[in-house]
Amino acid sequence: MIMTTLDRIVRIGRLRLPGQLQGPTSSRGLVIFAHGSGSSRLSPRNQFVAHCLHQRGISTLLFDLLQETEAVDRRRVFDIALLASRLGDALDWQMQQPDLSRMPTGLFGASTGAAAALVAASDRPSLKAIVSRGGRPDLAHDALARVEVPTLLIVGEFDDDVLALNRKAAEQMHCVREIAVVPGATHLFGEPGTLETAAQLASDWFTKYLL
């Protein structure tokens, strides 16, 4: 097992949004997380996925895309352009860090964070991979056709509405993309073994395209 030895609190952008950078000493890549509505960098589901990525030699950055006062405003929560700009701030911050600037980089988005990741990626073809878990890629709208980054859309088998939206979004994309349906899972992947399956799928995708 790879020991996670990199662990530091960072501040992102003009608002100095808090984030946690973690990973193995010999990390070969970085995945920046974009959480969804009603969530934060402390999301246990995203932290579980991050731990799985550490096992593959990949560092992670989980940070709050919104301030506390913004997070209770539904207009802000669904402001995809704002969320994407905050992700852009994190990518700019990465380029200023000597130990991170040359790492191949991917994005992991959940719920509305998936749309923000796709919008951010539509202007940054240098990104290597995107994974969406229970995401709303449809909210990226016109940006979908501009994404050049290999994208995996993970959806629960019983998350019917979101699965339909993911399929429609995938039809608008021209990059390498796949939809992975997790058997027995609903939107939050709370059923036994389903989050583990989603994390495995994400880890495999990032291992393939990021490293």
N, C-alpha and C. Protein backbone atom coordinates (compact mmCIF):
# COMPACT_ATOMS: atom_id res chain seq x y z
N MET A 1 0.83 -1.20 0.00
CA MET A 1 0.00 0.00 0.00
C MET A 1 0.87 1.25 0.00
N ILE A 2 0.52 2.24 -0.83
CA ILE A 2 1.26 3.50 -0.88
C ILE A 2 0.84 4.36 0.30
N MET A 3 1.79 4.83 1.05
CA MET A 3 1.48 5.69 2.19
C MET A 3 1.22 7.12 1.70
N THR A 4 0.13 7.72 2.20
CA THR A 4 -0.18 9.10 1.87
C THR A 4 0.62 10.02 2.79
N THR A 5 1.59 10.70 2.23
CA THR A 5 2.49 11.49 3.06
C THR A 5 2.35 12.99 2.80
N LEU A 6 1.83 13.36 1.63
CA LEU A 6 1.60 14.77 1.35
C LEU A 6 0.24 15.16 1.92
N ASP A 7 0.21 16.13 2.80
CA ASP A 7 -1.05 16.53 3.43
C ASP A 7 -0.91 17.96 3.92
N ARG A 8 -1.48 18.90 3.16
CA ARG A 8 -1.40 20.28 3.61
C ARG A 8 -2.65 21.06 3.22
N ILE A 9 -2.97 22.02 4.05
CA ILE A 9 -4.10 22.92 3.81
C ILE A 9 -3.61 24.06 2.92
N VAL A 10 -4.38 24.35 1.89
CA VAL A 10 -4.00 25.41 0.95
C VAL A 10 -5.14 26.40 0.84
N ARG A 11 -4.86 27.54 0.22
CA ARG A 11 -5.87 28.58 -0.01
C ARG A 11 -5.88 28.91 -1.49
N ILE A 12 -7.08 28.93 -2.07
CA ILE A 12 -7.23 29.06 -3.51
C ILE A 12 -7.86 30.39 -3.89
N GLY A 13 -7.23 31.08 -4.83
CA GLY A 13 -7.82 32.25 -5.46
C GLY A 13 -7.88 33.49 -4.58
N ARG A 14 -8.52 34.51 -5.13
CA ARG A 14 -8.64 35.81 -4.44
C ARG A 14 -9.39 35.67 -3.13
N LEU A 15 -10.37 34.76 -3.08
CA LEU A 15 -11.16 34.56 -1.88
C LEU A 15 -10.48 33.64 -0.87
N ARG A 16 -9.35 33.08 -1.26
CA ARG A 16 -8.59 32.17 -0.39
C ARG A 16 -9.48 31.04 0.13
N LEU A 17 -10.14 30.38 -0.81
CA LEU A 17 -11.01 29.26 -0.47
C LEU A 17 -10.17 28.11 0.06
N PRO A 18 -10.60 27.48 1.15
CA PRO A 18 -9.79 26.42 1.77
C PRO A 18 -9.81 25.13 0.97
N GLY A 19 -8.65 24.48 0.93
CA GLY A 19 -8.55 23.20 0.24
C GLY A 19 -7.57 22.29 0.95
N GLN A 20 -7.64 21.01 0.64
CA GLN A 20 -6.74 20.02 1.22
C GLN A 20 -6.03 19.27 0.10
N LEU A 21 -4.73 19.37 0.09
CA LEU A 21 -3.88 18.69 -0.89
C LEU A 21 -3.29 17.47 -0.23
N GLN A 22 -3.53 16.29 -0.84
CA GLN A 22 -3.02 15.05 -0.28
C GLN A 22 -2.49 14.16 -1.40
N GLY A 23 -1.59 13.26 -1.02
CA GLY A 23 -1.09 12.30 -1.99
C GLY A 23 0.21 11.68 -1.57
N PRO A 24 0.64 10.67 -2.31
CA PRO A 24 1.91 10.00 -2.01
C PRO A 24 3.10 10.87 -2.42
N THR A 25 4.23 10.65 -1.79
CA THR A 25 5.44 11.41 -2.10
C THR A 25 5.82 11.27 -3.57
N SER A 26 5.64 10.09 -4.11
CA SER A 26 6.04 9.82 -5.50
C SER A 26 4.89 10.04 -6.48
N SER A 27 3.99 10.97 -6.16
CA SER A 27 2.81 11.20 -6.99
C SER A 27 3.18 11.49 -8.44
N ARG A 28 2.38 10.92 -9.35
CA ARG A 28 2.64 11.10 -10.79
C ARG A 28 1.57 11.93 -11.48
N GLY A 29 0.59 12.41 -10.72
CA GLY A 29 -0.47 13.21 -11.31
C GLY A 29 -1.32 13.83 -10.22
N LEU A 30 -2.20 14.74 -10.62
CA LEU A 30 -3.06 15.45 -9.68
C LEU A 30 -4.49 15.44 -10.20
N VAL A 31 -5.44 15.14 -9.32
CA VAL A 31 -6.86 15.26 -9.64
C VAL A 31 -7.48 16.30 -8.72
N ILE A 32 -8.11 17.29 -9.32
CA ILE A 32 -8.80 18.34 -8.57
C ILE A 32 -10.29 18.00 -8.54
N PHE A 33 -10.87 18.04 -7.35
CA PHE A 33 -12.26 17.66 -7.16
C PHE A 33 -13.18 18.89 -7.20
N ALA A 34 -14.33 18.71 -7.83
CA ALA A 34 -15.38 19.73 -7.84
C ALA A 34 -16.63 19.09 -7.25
N HIS A 35 -16.92 19.40 -6.01
CA HIS A 35 -18.06 18.79 -5.35
C HIS A 35 -19.37 19.39 -5.86
N GLY A 36 -20.45 18.72 -5.55
CA GLY A 36 -21.75 19.16 -6.03
C GLY A 36 -22.52 19.99 -5.02
N SER A 37 -23.76 20.24 -5.32
CA SER A 37 -24.62 21.05 -4.46
C SER A 37 -24.77 20.40 -3.10
N GLY A 38 -24.74 21.22 -2.06
CA GLY A 38 -24.91 20.73 -0.70
C GLY A 38 -23.72 19.97 -0.16
N SER A 39 -22.57 20.07 -0.82
CA SER A 39 -21.40 19.32 -0.39
C SER A 39 -20.22 20.28 -0.20
N SER A 40 -19.08 19.72 0.18
CA SER A 40 -17.88 20.54 0.41
C SER A 40 -16.66 19.65 0.28
N ARG A 41 -15.50 20.23 0.58
CA ARG A 41 -14.26 19.45 0.51
C ARG A 41 -14.26 18.32 1.53
N LEU A 42 -15.17 18.36 2.50
CA LEU A 42 -15.24 17.35 3.56
C LEU A 42 -16.16 16.20 3.20
N SER A 43 -16.69 16.18 2.00
CA SER A 43 -17.60 15.11 1.57
C SER A 43 -16.95 13.75 1.77
N PRO A 44 -17.57 12.86 2.57
CA PRO A 44 -16.96 11.54 2.79
C PRO A 44 -16.89 10.71 1.51
N ARG A 45 -17.83 10.91 0.58
CA ARG A 45 -17.78 10.15 -0.67
C ARG A 45 -16.59 10.57 -1.51
N ASN A 46 -16.38 11.88 -1.64
CA ASN A 46 -15.23 12.34 -2.41
C ASN A 46 -13.92 12.00 -1.72
N GLN A 47 -13.90 12.05 -0.39
CA GLN A 47 -12.68 11.68 0.32
C GLN A 47 -12.36 10.20 0.12
N PHE A 48 -13.38 9.37 0.03
CA PHE A 48 -13.15 7.95 -0.23
C PHE A 48 -12.54 7.75 -1.61
N VAL A 49 -13.09 8.43 -2.61
CA VAL A 49 -12.53 8.33 -3.97
C VAL A 49 -11.10 8.85 -3.98
N ALA A 50 -10.85 9.95 -3.28
CA ALA A 50 -9.50 10.51 -3.22
C ALA A 50 -8.52 9.49 -2.63
N HIS A 51 -8.93 8.81 -1.57
CA HIS A 51 -8.05 7.79 -0.96
C HIS A 51 -7.72 6.70 -1.96
N CYS A 52 -8.70 6.29 -2.75
CA CYS A 52 -8.45 5.26 -3.76
C CYS A 52 -7.45 5.74 -4.81
N LEU A 53 -7.53 7.01 -5.15
CA LEU A 53 -6.58 7.57 -6.11
C LEU A 53 -5.17 7.61 -5.53
N HIS A 54 -5.07 7.88 -4.24
CA HIS A 54 -3.75 7.87 -3.60
C HIS A 54 -3.09 6.50 -3.74
N GLN A 55 -3.90 5.46 -3.69
CA GLN A 55 -3.37 4.11 -3.84
C GLN A 55 -2.78 3.88 -5.23
N ARG A 56 -3.21 4.68 -6.21
CA ARG A 56 -2.70 4.58 -7.58
C ARG A 56 -1.55 5.54 -7.85
N GLY A 57 -1.09 6.24 -6.82
CA GLY A 57 0.01 7.17 -7.01
C GLY A 57 -0.41 8.53 -7.52
N ILE A 58 -1.66 8.91 -7.25
CA ILE A 58 -2.21 10.18 -7.73
C ILE A 58 -2.54 11.07 -6.55
N SER A 59 -2.10 12.32 -6.58
CA SER A 59 -2.45 13.29 -5.55
C SER A 59 -3.82 13.89 -5.84
N THR A 60 -4.44 14.44 -4.80
CA THR A 60 -5.76 15.03 -4.94
C THR A 60 -5.83 16.39 -4.26
N LEU A 61 -6.67 17.25 -4.82
CA LEU A 61 -6.97 18.54 -4.20
C LEU A 61 -8.48 18.64 -4.07
N LEU A 62 -8.94 18.64 -2.83
CA LEU A 62 -10.35 18.87 -2.54
C LEU A 62 -10.46 20.26 -1.93
N PHE A 63 -11.28 21.12 -2.54
CA PHE A 63 -11.41 22.47 -2.00
C PHE A 63 -12.85 22.94 -2.12
N ASP A 64 -13.18 23.95 -1.33
CA ASP A 64 -14.53 24.50 -1.35
C ASP A 64 -14.66 25.47 -2.52
N LEU A 65 -15.60 25.19 -3.41
CA LEU A 65 -15.81 26.08 -4.55
C LEU A 65 -16.58 27.34 -4.16
N LEU A 66 -17.26 27.29 -3.01
CA LEU A 66 -18.07 28.42 -2.56
C LEU A 66 -17.72 28.77 -1.12
N GLN A 67 -17.87 30.05 -0.78
CA GLN A 67 -17.78 30.45 0.61
C GLN A 67 -19.02 29.97 1.35
N GLU A 68 -18.95 29.97 2.69
CA GLU A 68 -20.08 29.47 3.47
C GLU A 68 -21.36 30.25 3.18
N THR A 69 -21.25 31.55 3.04
CA THR A 69 -22.43 32.37 2.76
C THR A 69 -22.98 32.11 1.36
N GLU A 70 -22.10 31.76 0.42
CA GLU A 70 -22.54 31.45 -0.93
C GLU A 70 -23.20 30.08 -1.01
N ALA A 71 -22.72 29.15 -0.21
CA ALA A 71 -23.18 27.76 -0.29
C ALA A 71 -24.64 27.59 0.10
N VAL A 72 -25.22 28.56 0.80
CA VAL A 72 -26.63 28.48 1.18
C VAL A 72 -27.53 29.21 0.19
N ASP A 73 -26.95 29.76 -0.86
CA ASP A 73 -27.69 30.49 -1.89
C ASP A 73 -27.84 29.57 -3.10
N ARG A 74 -29.06 29.11 -3.37
CA ARG A 74 -29.29 28.16 -4.46
C ARG A 74 -28.84 28.71 -5.81
N ARG A 75 -28.93 30.03 -5.97
CA ARG A 75 -28.49 30.62 -7.24
C ARG A 75 -26.99 30.41 -7.44
N ARG A 76 -26.25 30.51 -6.37
CA ARG A 76 -24.80 30.30 -6.45
C ARG A 76 -24.47 28.82 -6.67
N VAL A 77 -25.20 27.96 -5.98
CA VAL A 77 -24.95 26.52 -6.07
C VAL A 77 -25.11 26.02 -7.50
N PHE A 78 -26.06 26.63 -8.24
CA PHE A 78 -26.31 26.20 -9.61
C PHE A 78 -25.73 27.16 -10.65
N ASP A 79 -24.85 28.05 -10.20
CA ASP A 79 -24.17 28.97 -11.12
C ASP A 79 -22.94 28.25 -11.67
N ILE A 80 -23.13 27.53 -12.76
CA ILE A 80 -22.06 26.68 -13.29
C ILE A 80 -20.86 27.51 -13.75
N ALA A 81 -21.13 28.67 -14.33
CA ALA A 81 -20.02 29.53 -14.76
C ALA A 81 -19.17 29.96 -13.57
N LEU A 82 -19.80 30.27 -12.46
CA LEU A 82 -19.06 30.65 -11.25
C LEU A 82 -18.23 29.49 -10.74
N LEU A 83 -18.85 28.32 -10.66
CA LEU A 83 -18.13 27.15 -10.17
C LEU A 83 -16.94 26.82 -11.08
N ALA A 84 -17.16 26.94 -12.39
CA ALA A 84 -16.06 26.66 -13.33
C ALA A 84 -14.93 27.67 -13.17
N SER A 85 -15.28 28.91 -12.89
CA SER A 85 -14.23 29.92 -12.70
C SER A 85 -13.41 29.63 -11.44
N ARG A 86 -14.07 29.10 -10.42
CA ARG A 86 -13.35 28.74 -9.19
C ARG A 86 -12.42 27.55 -9.46
N LEU A 87 -12.87 26.62 -10.29
CA LEU A 87 -11.99 25.53 -10.70
C LEU A 87 -10.79 26.07 -11.47
N GLY A 88 -11.05 27.07 -12.32
CA GLY A 88 -9.96 27.71 -13.04
C GLY A 88 -8.95 28.34 -12.09
N ASP A 89 -9.46 28.91 -10.99
CA ASP A 89 -8.56 29.48 -9.97
C ASP A 89 -7.66 28.39 -9.38
N ALA A 90 -8.24 27.20 -9.15
CA ALA A 90 -7.46 26.09 -8.60
C ALA A 90 -6.40 25.63 -9.59
N LEU A 91 -6.75 25.59 -10.86
CA LEU A 91 -5.78 25.19 -11.89
C LEU A 91 -4.67 26.24 -12.02
N ASP A 92 -5.02 27.50 -11.90
CA ASP A 92 -4.00 28.56 -11.92
C ASP A 92 -3.09 28.45 -10.70
N TRP A 93 -3.69 28.15 -9.54
CA TRP A 93 -2.90 27.98 -8.32
C TRP A 93 -1.91 26.83 -8.50
N GLN A 94 -2.37 25.74 -9.09
CA GLN A 94 -1.48 24.59 -9.31
C GLN A 94 -0.25 25.00 -10.11
N MET A 95 -0.44 25.81 -11.15
CA MET A 95 0.67 26.19 -12.01
C MET A 95 1.69 27.06 -11.29
N GLN A 96 1.32 27.61 -10.14
CA GLN A 96 2.24 28.45 -9.37
C GLN A 96 3.01 27.65 -8.32
N GLN A 97 2.70 26.35 -8.22
CA GLN A 97 3.37 25.51 -7.22
C GLN A 97 4.49 24.70 -7.87
N PRO A 98 5.74 24.91 -7.46
CA PRO A 98 6.86 24.21 -8.10
C PRO A 98 6.73 22.70 -8.11
N ASP A 99 6.12 22.13 -7.06
CA ASP A 99 6.03 20.67 -6.98
C ASP A 99 4.82 20.11 -7.71
N LEU A 100 3.95 20.98 -8.23
CA LEU A 100 2.71 20.52 -8.88
C LEU A 100 2.56 20.98 -10.32
N SER A 101 3.31 22.00 -10.71
CA SER A 101 3.02 22.68 -11.98
C SER A 101 3.19 21.79 -13.20
N ARG A 102 4.05 20.78 -13.12
CA ARG A 102 4.27 19.93 -14.28
C ARG A 102 3.51 18.61 -14.22
N MET A 103 2.71 18.44 -13.21
CA MET A 103 1.96 17.19 -13.08
C MET A 103 0.81 17.15 -14.09
N PRO A 104 0.60 16.02 -14.76
CA PRO A 104 -0.63 15.86 -15.55
C PRO A 104 -1.83 15.97 -14.63
N THR A 105 -2.88 16.62 -15.10
CA THR A 105 -3.98 17.00 -14.23
C THR A 105 -5.32 16.52 -14.77
N GLY A 106 -6.17 16.04 -13.87
CA GLY A 106 -7.52 15.65 -14.20
C GLY A 106 -8.50 16.31 -13.26
N LEU A 107 -9.79 16.20 -13.60
CA LEU A 107 -10.86 16.77 -12.78
C LEU A 107 -11.86 15.67 -12.44
N PHE A 108 -12.34 15.69 -11.20
CA PHE A 108 -13.38 14.77 -10.76
C PHE A 108 -14.54 15.61 -10.26
N GLY A 109 -15.71 15.44 -10.88
CA GLY A 109 -16.85 16.25 -10.50
C GLY A 109 -18.04 15.40 -10.10
N ALA A 110 -18.79 15.88 -9.11
CA ALA A 110 -20.02 15.23 -8.69
C ALA A 110 -21.16 16.24 -8.78
N SER A 111 -22.35 15.77 -9.16
CA SER A 111 -23.53 16.61 -9.27
C SER A 111 -23.24 17.84 -10.14
N THR A 112 -23.51 19.04 -9.63
CA THR A 112 -23.25 20.25 -10.42
C THR A 112 -21.75 20.46 -10.66
N GLY A 113 -20.92 19.88 -9.80
CA GLY A 113 -19.47 19.99 -9.99
C GLY A 113 -18.99 19.35 -11.27
N ALA A 114 -19.73 18.35 -11.75
CA ALA A 114 -19.36 17.70 -13.02
C ALA A 114 -19.53 18.68 -14.17
N ALA A 115 -20.61 19.45 -14.16
CA ALA A 115 -20.81 20.46 -15.21
C ALA A 115 -19.72 21.52 -15.14
N ALA A 116 -19.37 21.93 -13.94
CA ALA A 116 -18.31 22.93 -13.78
C ALA A 116 -16.99 22.40 -14.32
N ALA A 117 -16.71 21.12 -14.06
CA ALA A 117 -15.47 20.52 -14.56
C ALA A 117 -15.44 20.52 -16.09
N LEU A 118 -16.56 20.20 -16.70
CA LEU A 118 -16.61 20.17 -18.17
C LEU A 118 -16.49 21.55 -18.77
N VAL A 119 -17.11 22.54 -18.15
CA VAL A 119 -16.97 23.92 -18.64
C VAL A 119 -15.53 24.38 -18.51
N ALA A 120 -14.92 24.10 -17.36
CA ALA A 120 -13.51 24.49 -17.17
C ALA A 120 -12.62 23.79 -18.19
N ALA A 121 -12.90 22.51 -18.46
CA ALA A 121 -12.07 21.73 -19.39
C ALA A 121 -12.25 22.19 -20.84
N SER A 122 -13.40 22.78 -21.16
CA SER A 122 -13.65 23.21 -22.54
C SER A 122 -12.68 24.30 -22.97
N ASP A 123 -12.09 25.00 -21.99
CA ASP A 123 -11.11 26.05 -22.29
C ASP A 123 -9.69 25.62 -21.97
N ARG A 124 -9.51 24.39 -21.50
CA ARG A 124 -8.18 23.91 -21.09
C ARG A 124 -7.94 22.51 -21.64
N PRO A 125 -7.64 22.41 -22.93
CA PRO A 125 -7.42 21.09 -23.54
C PRO A 125 -6.17 20.39 -23.01
N SER A 126 -5.35 21.09 -22.23
CA SER A 126 -4.16 20.45 -21.67
C SER A 126 -4.50 19.48 -20.54
N LEU A 127 -5.72 19.56 -20.01
CA LEU A 127 -6.14 18.58 -19.01
C LEU A 127 -6.14 17.19 -19.63
N LYS A 128 -5.95 16.18 -18.80
CA LYS A 128 -5.77 14.82 -19.31
C LYS A 128 -7.00 13.93 -19.17
N ALA A 129 -7.84 14.16 -18.17
CA ALA A 129 -8.97 13.26 -17.94
C ALA A 129 -10.00 13.92 -17.05
N ILE A 130 -11.27 13.52 -17.25
CA ILE A 130 -12.37 13.97 -16.42
C ILE A 130 -13.20 12.76 -16.02
N VAL A 131 -13.63 12.75 -14.77
CA VAL A 131 -14.58 11.74 -14.31
C VAL A 131 -15.74 12.46 -13.62
N SER A 132 -16.96 12.05 -13.95
CA SER A 132 -18.16 12.57 -13.32
C SER A 132 -18.83 11.42 -12.56
N ARG A 133 -19.20 11.68 -11.29
CA ARG A 133 -19.92 10.67 -10.50
C ARG A 133 -21.29 11.23 -10.13
N GLY A 134 -22.34 10.59 -10.66
CA GLY A 134 -23.68 11.08 -10.39
C GLY A 134 -23.82 12.54 -10.80
N GLY A 135 -23.19 12.90 -11.89
CA GLY A 135 -23.08 14.30 -12.28
C GLY A 135 -24.21 14.79 -13.16
N ARG A 136 -24.20 16.10 -13.37
CA ARG A 136 -25.15 16.76 -14.26
C ARG A 136 -24.39 17.40 -15.42
N PRO A 137 -23.79 16.60 -16.29
CA PRO A 137 -23.04 17.17 -17.41
C PRO A 137 -23.92 17.99 -18.34
N ASP A 138 -25.22 17.71 -18.34
CA ASP A 138 -26.14 18.46 -19.20
C ASP A 138 -26.12 19.95 -18.89
N LEU A 139 -25.77 20.31 -17.65
CA LEU A 139 -25.75 21.72 -17.26
C LEU A 139 -24.56 22.47 -17.85
N ALA A 140 -23.65 21.75 -18.51
CA ALA A 140 -22.53 22.40 -19.21
C ALA A 140 -22.97 22.95 -20.56
N HIS A 141 -24.12 22.53 -21.03
CA HIS A 141 -24.74 23.06 -22.25
C HIS A 141 -23.77 23.07 -23.44
N ASP A 142 -23.56 24.24 -24.04
CA ASP A 142 -22.77 24.35 -25.28
C ASP A 142 -21.31 23.95 -25.09
N ALA A 143 -20.83 24.01 -23.85
CA ALA A 143 -19.42 23.66 -23.60
C ALA A 143 -19.14 22.19 -23.88
N LEU A 144 -20.17 21.36 -23.85
CA LEU A 144 -19.97 19.92 -24.05
C LEU A 144 -19.28 19.62 -25.38
N ALA A 145 -19.68 20.32 -26.42
CA ALA A 145 -19.12 20.05 -27.75
C ALA A 145 -17.67 20.51 -27.87
N ARG A 146 -17.21 21.35 -26.95
CA ARG A 146 -15.84 21.87 -27.03
C ARG A 146 -14.86 21.07 -26.17
N VAL A 147 -15.35 20.15 -25.38
CA VAL A 147 -14.47 19.37 -24.49
C VAL A 147 -13.66 18.39 -25.33
N GLU A 148 -12.34 18.42 -25.16
CA GLU A 148 -11.45 17.51 -25.87
C GLU A 148 -10.85 16.45 -24.96
N VAL A 149 -11.17 16.52 -23.68
CA VAL A 149 -10.55 15.68 -22.66
C VAL A 149 -11.33 14.37 -22.50
N PRO A 150 -10.66 13.22 -22.48
CA PRO A 150 -11.36 11.95 -22.26
C PRO A 150 -12.20 11.99 -20.98
N THR A 151 -13.47 11.64 -21.12
CA THR A 151 -14.44 11.84 -20.04
C THR A 151 -15.20 10.56 -19.74
N LEU A 152 -15.26 10.21 -18.45
CA LEU A 152 -16.03 9.07 -17.98
C LEU A 152 -17.21 9.58 -17.15
N LEU A 153 -18.41 9.15 -17.50
CA LEU A 153 -19.62 9.53 -16.78
C LEU A 153 -20.12 8.31 -16.01
N ILE A 154 -20.01 8.36 -14.68
CA ILE A 154 -20.43 7.25 -13.83
C ILE A 154 -21.81 7.57 -13.24
N VAL A 155 -22.76 6.67 -13.45
CA VAL A 155 -24.13 6.90 -13.00
C VAL A 155 -24.69 5.63 -12.38
N GLY A 156 -25.50 5.78 -11.36
CA GLY A 156 -26.13 4.63 -10.74
C GLY A 156 -27.24 4.05 -11.60
N GLU A 157 -27.38 2.73 -11.54
CA GLU A 157 -28.38 2.04 -12.36
C GLU A 157 -29.79 2.56 -12.11
N PHE A 158 -30.10 2.91 -10.87
CA PHE A 158 -31.45 3.33 -10.52
C PHE A 158 -31.59 4.85 -10.42
N ASP A 159 -30.61 5.57 -10.87
CA ASP A 159 -30.68 7.03 -10.92
C ASP A 159 -31.24 7.43 -12.29
N ASP A 160 -32.50 7.09 -12.52
CA ASP A 160 -33.07 7.10 -13.86
C ASP A 160 -32.97 8.45 -14.56
N ASP A 161 -33.40 9.51 -13.89
CA ASP A 161 -33.41 10.82 -14.55
C ASP A 161 -32.00 11.29 -14.89
N VAL A 162 -31.08 11.11 -13.94
CA VAL A 162 -29.70 11.55 -14.17
C VAL A 162 -29.04 10.69 -15.25
N LEU A 163 -29.36 9.42 -15.29
CA LEU A 163 -28.82 8.55 -16.34
C LEU A 163 -29.27 9.02 -17.71
N ALA A 164 -30.54 9.38 -17.84
CA ALA A 164 -31.05 9.89 -19.12
C ALA A 164 -30.35 11.19 -19.51
N LEU A 165 -30.13 12.07 -18.54
CA LEU A 165 -29.45 13.34 -18.82
C LEU A 165 -28.00 13.11 -19.23
N ASN A 166 -27.35 12.13 -18.60
CA ASN A 166 -25.96 11.81 -18.96
C ASN A 166 -25.88 11.27 -20.38
N ARG A 167 -26.84 10.44 -20.76
CA ARG A 167 -26.82 9.89 -22.11
C ARG A 167 -27.02 10.99 -23.15
N LYS A 168 -27.90 11.93 -22.88
CA LYS A 168 -28.11 13.04 -23.81
C LYS A 168 -26.86 13.92 -23.89
N ALA A 169 -26.22 14.15 -22.74
CA ALA A 169 -25.00 14.96 -22.73
C ALA A 169 -23.89 14.28 -23.52
N ALA A 170 -23.75 12.96 -23.37
CA ALA A 170 -22.69 12.23 -24.07
C ALA A 170 -22.87 12.33 -25.58
N GLU A 171 -24.11 12.40 -26.04
CA GLU A 171 -24.38 12.53 -27.47
C GLU A 171 -23.88 13.85 -28.04
N GLN A 172 -23.76 14.86 -27.18
CA GLN A 172 -23.31 16.18 -27.63
C GLN A 172 -21.79 16.33 -27.59
N MET A 173 -21.11 15.34 -27.01
CA MET A 173 -19.66 15.42 -26.86
C MET A 173 -18.96 14.73 -28.03
N HIS A 174 -17.78 15.25 -28.38
CA HIS A 174 -17.02 14.69 -29.50
C HIS A 174 -15.70 14.06 -29.06
N CYS A 175 -15.39 14.18 -27.78
CA CYS A 175 -14.15 13.62 -27.25
C CYS A 175 -14.35 12.14 -26.95
N VAL A 176 -13.28 11.48 -26.53
CA VAL A 176 -13.41 10.12 -26.00
C VAL A 176 -14.29 10.19 -24.75
N ARG A 177 -15.37 9.44 -24.74
CA ARG A 177 -16.26 9.46 -23.59
C ARG A 177 -16.95 8.12 -23.44
N GLU A 178 -17.24 7.79 -22.19
CA GLU A 178 -17.94 6.55 -21.87
C GLU A 178 -18.91 6.81 -20.74
N ILE A 179 -19.99 6.03 -20.72
CA ILE A 179 -20.92 6.03 -19.60
C ILE A 179 -20.78 4.68 -18.90
N ALA A 180 -20.50 4.73 -17.60
CA ALA A 180 -20.39 3.51 -16.79
C ALA A 180 -21.56 3.48 -15.83
N VAL A 181 -22.40 2.47 -15.95
CA VAL A 181 -23.57 2.33 -15.09
C VAL A 181 -23.25 1.35 -13.96
N VAL A 182 -23.37 1.83 -12.73
CA VAL A 182 -23.05 0.99 -11.56
C VAL A 182 -24.29 0.22 -11.13
N PRO A 183 -24.25 -1.10 -11.21
CA PRO A 183 -25.42 -1.91 -10.86
C PRO A 183 -25.87 -1.66 -9.42
N GLY A 184 -27.18 -1.54 -9.24
CA GLY A 184 -27.76 -1.44 -7.90
C GLY A 184 -27.61 -0.09 -7.23
N ALA A 185 -27.01 0.89 -7.90
CA ALA A 185 -26.73 2.17 -7.25
C ALA A 185 -27.82 3.19 -7.54
N THR A 186 -28.11 4.02 -6.54
CA THR A 186 -28.95 5.19 -6.72
C THR A 186 -28.03 6.42 -6.78
N HIS A 187 -28.59 7.61 -6.65
CA HIS A 187 -27.84 8.83 -6.94
C HIS A 187 -26.60 9.01 -6.06
N LEU A 188 -26.72 8.70 -4.78
CA LEU A 188 -25.62 8.97 -3.85
C LEU A 188 -24.70 7.77 -3.65
N PHE A 189 -24.93 6.67 -4.36
CA PHE A 189 -24.08 5.49 -4.26
C PHE A 189 -23.95 5.01 -2.81
N GLY A 190 -25.10 5.02 -2.12
CA GLY A 190 -25.09 4.61 -0.72
C GLY A 190 -25.29 3.13 -0.50
N GLU A 191 -25.62 2.40 -1.56
CA GLU A 191 -25.85 0.96 -1.44
C GLU A 191 -24.51 0.23 -1.27
N PRO A 192 -24.51 -0.90 -0.54
CA PRO A 192 -23.25 -1.61 -0.26
C PRO A 192 -22.46 -1.91 -1.53
N GLY A 193 -21.21 -1.51 -1.52
CA GLY A 193 -20.29 -1.82 -2.61
C GLY A 193 -20.37 -0.89 -3.81
N THR A 194 -21.39 -0.05 -3.89
CA THR A 194 -21.54 0.76 -5.11
C THR A 194 -20.54 1.91 -5.18
N LEU A 195 -20.26 2.55 -4.04
CA LEU A 195 -19.27 3.62 -4.06
C LEU A 195 -17.88 3.05 -4.36
N GLU A 196 -17.61 1.87 -3.84
CA GLU A 196 -16.34 1.21 -4.13
C GLU A 196 -16.20 0.94 -5.63
N THR A 197 -17.30 0.51 -6.26
CA THR A 197 -17.27 0.27 -7.70
C THR A 197 -17.02 1.56 -8.45
N ALA A 198 -17.71 2.64 -8.05
CA ALA A 198 -17.51 3.93 -8.71
C ALA A 198 -16.08 4.41 -8.55
N ALA A 199 -15.52 4.24 -7.36
CA ALA A 199 -14.14 4.67 -7.12
C ALA A 199 -13.16 3.86 -7.96
N GLN A 200 -13.43 2.57 -8.10
CA GLN A 200 -12.57 1.71 -8.94
C GLN A 200 -12.62 2.17 -10.39
N LEU A 201 -13.81 2.46 -10.88
CA LEU A 201 -13.97 2.93 -12.26
C LEU A 201 -13.21 4.25 -12.47
N ALA A 202 -13.35 5.16 -11.51
CA ALA A 202 -12.65 6.44 -11.60
C ALA A 202 -11.15 6.25 -11.58
N SER A 203 -10.68 5.40 -10.68
CA SER A 203 -9.24 5.16 -10.57
C SER A 203 -8.68 4.55 -11.84
N ASP A 204 -9.42 3.62 -12.43
CA ASP A 204 -8.97 3.00 -13.68
C ASP A 204 -8.89 4.03 -14.80
N TRP A 205 -9.88 4.92 -14.86
CA TRP A 205 -9.90 5.95 -15.92
C TRP A 205 -8.71 6.91 -15.80
N PHE A 206 -8.48 7.37 -14.57
CA PHE A 206 -7.37 8.29 -14.35
C PHE A 206 -6.03 7.59 -14.57
N THR A 207 -5.93 6.33 -14.17
CA THR A 207 -4.69 5.60 -14.41
C THR A 207 -4.42 5.49 -15.91
N LYS A 208 -5.47 5.27 -16.69
CA LYS A 208 -5.33 5.10 -18.13
C LYS A 208 -4.96 6.39 -18.85
N TYR A 209 -5.61 7.48 -18.49
CA TYR A 209 -5.47 8.71 -19.25
C TYR A 209 -4.60 9.79 -18.60
N LEU A 210 -4.41 9.68 -17.29
CA LEU A 210 -3.66 10.72 -16.59
C LEU A 210 -2.19 10.39 -16.49
N LEU A 211 -1.89 9.12 -16.24
CA LEU A 211 -0.50 8.75 -15.94
C LEU A 211 0.26 8.32 -17.20
